[in-house]
Protein backbone atom coordinates (compact mmCIF):
# COMPACT_ATOMS: atom_id res chain seq x y z
CA MET A 1 6.54 -18.40 -17.38
CA THR A 2 10.13 -18.86 -16.10
CA GLY A 3 11.09 -19.11 -12.41
CA TRP A 4 12.52 -15.56 -12.58
CA GLN A 5 9.25 -14.22 -13.97
CA TRP A 6 7.33 -15.82 -11.16
CA PHE A 7 9.63 -14.33 -8.67
CA LEU A 8 9.37 -10.87 -10.21
CA ALA A 9 5.53 -11.07 -10.39
CA LEU A 10 4.87 -12.43 -6.93
CA GLY A 11 7.96 -11.45 -4.99
CA PRO A 12 6.98 -7.86 -4.21
CA LEU A 13 3.37 -9.04 -3.61
CA SER A 14 4.55 -11.55 -0.95
CA VAL A 15 6.65 -8.97 0.82
CA TYR A 16 3.59 -6.72 0.89
CA LEU A 17 1.50 -9.46 2.48
CA MET A 18 4.16 -10.20 5.04
CA LEU A 19 4.42 -6.58 5.97
CA MET A 20 0.61 -6.18 6.37
CA GLY A 21 0.73 -9.27 8.52
CA PHE A 22 3.40 -7.85 10.78
CA LEU A 23 1.57 -4.56 11.11
CA ASN A 24 -1.61 -6.47 12.31
CA LEU A 25 0.36 -8.30 14.90
CA VAL A 26 1.85 -5.37 16.76
CA ARG A 27 0.20 -4.14 19.96
CA ARG A 28 -0.32 -0.51 18.65
CA PRO A 29 -2.68 0.65 15.99
CA VAL A 30 -0.88 1.56 12.88
CA LEU A 31 -1.80 4.57 10.69
CA LEU A 32 -0.91 5.01 7.12
CA THR A 33 -1.70 8.14 5.01
CA GLY A 34 -3.27 7.72 1.60
CA MET A 35 0.09 8.24 -0.06
CA GLN A 36 1.77 5.62 2.12
CA ASP A 37 -0.95 3.03 1.45
CA ARG A 38 -0.89 3.60 -2.30
CA ILE A 39 2.83 3.60 -2.56
CA LEU A 40 3.10 0.19 -0.70
CA LEU A 41 0.14 -1.24 -2.85
CA GLY A 42 1.80 0.14 -6.04
CA LEU A 43 5.19 -1.44 -5.43
CA ALA A 44 3.57 -4.69 -4.56
CA ILE A 45 1.79 -5.02 -7.99
CA LEU A 46 4.64 -3.44 -9.88
CA GLY A 47 6.20 -6.84 -10.67
CA LEU A 48 2.76 -8.07 -11.92
CA ILE A 49 2.53 -5.18 -14.37
CA VAL A 50 6.00 -5.78 -15.57
CA VAL A 51 5.56 -9.41 -16.16
CA GLY A 52 2.01 -9.07 -17.48
CA PRO A 53 0.92 -6.12 -19.54
CA VAL A 54 4.33 -4.56 -20.14
CA ASP A 55 5.91 -7.89 -21.33
CA LEU A 56 2.70 -8.71 -23.37
CA PHE A 57 2.33 -5.42 -25.30
CA LEU A 58 6.00 -4.30 -25.58
CA PRO A 59 6.76 -3.56 -29.20
CA LEU A 60 9.53 -5.61 -30.67
CA SER A 61 10.87 -2.61 -32.45
CA VAL A 62 11.44 -0.87 -29.23
CA TYR A 63 13.32 -3.94 -27.82
CA ALA A 64 15.28 -4.16 -31.00
CA ALA A 65 16.41 -0.50 -30.73
CA TYR A 66 17.15 -0.28 -27.00
CA GLY A 67 17.91 -4.03 -26.08
CA SER A 68 17.81 -4.92 -22.43
CA ALA A 69 17.73 -1.29 -21.38
CA VAL A 70 14.14 -1.17 -22.34
CA TRP A 71 13.11 -2.80 -19.10
CA LEU A 72 14.83 -0.07 -17.20
CA ILE A 73 13.08 2.50 -19.29
CA ALA A 74 9.65 0.66 -18.71
CA LEU A 75 10.36 0.50 -14.99
CA VAL A 76 11.05 4.21 -14.75
CA LEU A 77 7.91 5.03 -16.65
CA LEU A 78 5.84 2.78 -14.44
CA VAL A 79 7.30 4.42 -11.31
CA LEU A 80 6.50 7.97 -12.83
CA VAL A 81 2.90 6.84 -13.60
CA LEU A 82 2.62 5.35 -9.96
CA GLY A 83 3.84 8.64 -8.56
CA LEU A 84 1.33 10.63 -10.64
CA GLY A 85 -1.47 8.43 -9.39
CA VAL A 86 -0.53 8.86 -5.79
CA LEU A 87 -0.10 12.62 -5.98
CA THR A 88 -3.48 13.14 -7.71
CA ALA A 89 -5.61 10.59 -5.77
CA PRO A 90 -7.97 11.86 -3.16
CA PRO A 91 -6.74 11.84 0.56
CA LYS A 92 -7.54 9.11 2.88
CA ILE A 93 -6.30 7.46 6.06
CA VAL A 94 -5.98 3.84 6.77
CA ILE A 95 -5.86 2.47 10.38
CA LEU A 96 -4.76 -1.03 10.90
CA ASN A 97 -5.41 -3.46 13.78
CA VAL A 98 -7.95 -1.73 15.93
CA PRO A 99 -11.67 -2.65 16.60
CA ILE A 100 -14.27 -0.53 14.89
CA HIS A 101 -16.09 0.60 18.10
CA GLN A 102 -12.87 1.69 19.62
CA VAL A 103 -11.46 3.50 16.67
CA ARG A 104 -14.64 5.31 16.02
CA SER A 105 -14.61 6.99 19.47
CA ILE A 106 -10.98 7.89 18.94
CA ILE A 107 -11.77 9.56 15.61
CA SER A 108 -14.66 11.43 17.15
CA GLU A 109 -12.56 12.75 19.95
CA THR A 110 -9.68 13.70 17.65
CA ALA A 111 -12.05 15.50 15.26
CA VAL A 112 -13.82 17.44 18.02
CA SER A 113 -10.44 18.49 19.59
CA LEU A 114 -9.46 20.08 16.07
CA ASP A 115 -12.89 21.19 14.81
CA THR A 116 -15.66 21.80 17.39
CA ASP A 117 -18.29 21.89 14.52
CA SER A 118 -17.45 18.25 13.61
CA ARG A 119 -20.39 15.96 13.26
CA TRP A 120 -21.25 12.51 12.14
CA ALA A 121 -23.93 11.60 9.60
CA GLY A 122 -24.10 7.83 9.59
CA ASP A 123 -20.67 6.63 8.71
CA CYS A 124 -19.79 10.10 7.12
CA LEU A 125 -17.79 12.56 9.14
CA LEU A 126 -17.90 16.24 8.30
CA MET A 127 -15.28 18.71 9.70
CA PRO A 128 -16.25 22.08 8.01
CA ASN A 129 -13.40 24.24 9.56
CA LEU A 130 -10.77 21.84 8.38
CA GLY A 131 -12.31 21.24 4.93
CA ILE A 132 -12.73 17.54 5.58
CA GLN A 133 -15.57 15.40 4.39
CA CYS A 134 -15.08 11.61 4.65
CA THR A 135 -16.71 8.19 5.15
CA LEU A 136 -15.66 5.52 7.30
CA ILE A 137 -15.21 2.08 5.68
CA ALA A 138 -14.59 -0.74 8.13
CA TRP A 139 -13.33 -4.21 7.81
CA PRO A 140 -14.41 -5.71 11.16
CA SER A 141 -12.90 -9.20 10.65
CA TRP A 142 -9.57 -7.62 10.00
CA ARG A 143 -9.86 -4.78 12.42
CA ASN A 144 -9.00 -2.24 9.75
CA VAL A 145 -10.69 1.07 8.95
CA THR A 146 -10.42 3.47 6.20
CA LEU A 147 -11.28 7.11 6.18
CA ALA A 148 -12.01 8.08 2.56
CA ALA A 149 -12.56 11.45 1.19
CA VAL A 150 -16.06 12.20 -0.15
CA GLY A 151 -16.45 14.85 -2.71
CA PRO A 152 -13.95 16.84 -4.73
CA THR A 153 -13.50 19.78 -2.26
CA GLN A 154 -11.01 18.64 0.31
CA ASP A 155 -8.32 20.68 2.20
CA PHE A 156 -5.12 18.69 2.03
CA GLN A 157 -3.53 20.65 4.91
CA GLY A 158 -6.64 19.81 7.01
CA TRP A 159 -6.10 16.11 6.20
CA LYS A 160 -2.50 16.39 7.20
CA ARG A 161 -3.31 18.01 10.61
CA PHE A 162 -6.03 15.35 11.16
CA GLY A 163 -3.64 12.62 10.35
CA VAL A 164 -0.90 13.84 12.65
CA ALA A 165 -3.36 14.35 15.60
CA LEU A 166 -5.06 10.90 15.05
CA SER A 167 -1.57 9.30 14.88
CA LYS A 168 -0.59 10.84 18.20
CA ARG A 169 -3.75 9.71 19.68
CA LEU A 170 -3.42 6.17 18.57
CA ALA A 171 0.14 5.97 19.85
CA THR A 172 -1.39 5.85 23.35
CA VAL A 173 -3.69 2.95 22.55
CA GLU A 174 -2.72 -0.64 23.30
CA VAL A 175 -4.50 -3.49 21.50
CA ARG A 176 -4.29 -7.15 21.34
CA PRO A 177 -2.52 -8.50 18.08
CA ASN A 178 -4.79 -9.49 15.23
CA THR A 179 -4.13 -13.22 14.84
CA ARG A 180 -5.25 -13.06 11.21
CA GLY A 181 -1.86 -11.27 10.70
CA ILE A 182 -0.34 -14.80 11.09
CA PHE A 183 -2.04 -16.03 7.99
CA LEU A 184 -0.76 -13.15 5.91
CA VAL A 185 2.83 -13.69 7.13
CA ALA A 186 2.70 -17.34 6.58
CA LEU A 187 1.09 -16.87 3.00
CA GLY A 188 3.63 -14.23 2.02
CA GLY A 189 6.48 -16.27 3.36
CA ILE A 190 5.57 -19.32 1.52
CA VAL A 191 4.99 -17.58 -1.76
CA PHE A 192 8.33 -15.67 -1.46
CA SER A 193 10.27 -18.94 -0.61
CA LEU A 194 8.83 -21.01 -3.47
CA THR A 195 9.30 -18.23 -6.10
CA ALA A 196 12.85 -17.52 -4.84
CA PHE A 197 13.78 -21.03 -4.90
CA SER A 198 12.34 -21.46 -8.40
CA ALA A 199 14.09 -18.34 -9.59
CA PHE A 200 17.66 -18.83 -8.11
CA ARG A 201 17.99 -22.68 -7.99
CA ASP A 202 20.12 -22.33 -11.19
CA PRO A 203 23.37 -20.62 -10.23
CA THR A 204 23.61 -19.05 -13.72
CA VAL A 205 20.38 -17.04 -13.40
CA VAL A 206 21.89 -14.17 -11.51
CA ALA A 207 24.84 -13.93 -13.89
CA ASP A 208 22.57 -14.10 -16.91
CA LEU A 209 20.18 -11.36 -15.38
CA LEU A 210 23.13 -9.11 -14.90
CA SER A 211 24.53 -9.59 -18.27
CA ARG A 212 21.13 -8.69 -19.73
CA LEU A 213 20.85 -5.48 -17.63
CA TRP A 214 24.45 -4.32 -17.99
CA PRO A 215 25.87 -6.04 -21.14
CA LEU A 216 29.68 -5.74 -21.47
């Protein structure tokens, strides 16, 4: 692989790692909807897909017919597939940088305020009046929690109301920064710096790339 291919494959992933690290270093819990979480993750691995499966299985006849424009076509198709996956995926809520014992009580109080019939069964939360049935998946060492939908029958409007109410409640909570975020920021920064240096150390790389994408 060339330096540019390494940068294309690992550059977006390194930016994702740095973003997750920064979110874990703030003094407020951060809530991401399922759509936001999947879009960020999809963009992070987009370069790996382009450099890997797309480059490996791209028919030579297609490249011969469309030239360098085939990469733009492939990128558009990948974005469309990503969008379809995001829109059809079950709802979920991701909460970053908050201890499990603290976030569980916040979730319970928010759920009861929206639906008085809310109840827990182990790590599963049922909110019948909002059409929500989810399970709590915790990562204690990273202080991250995911509320993932359980079962096919879910009310997306109920999830939206629950997410908005939970976000407002978390905005009033102050937590200490998660020092593990420093590791993510450092790792992402090192990978981005190394791959960028490898890709752009030759001044002709950018000119060659532009000529391939927009040939005169």
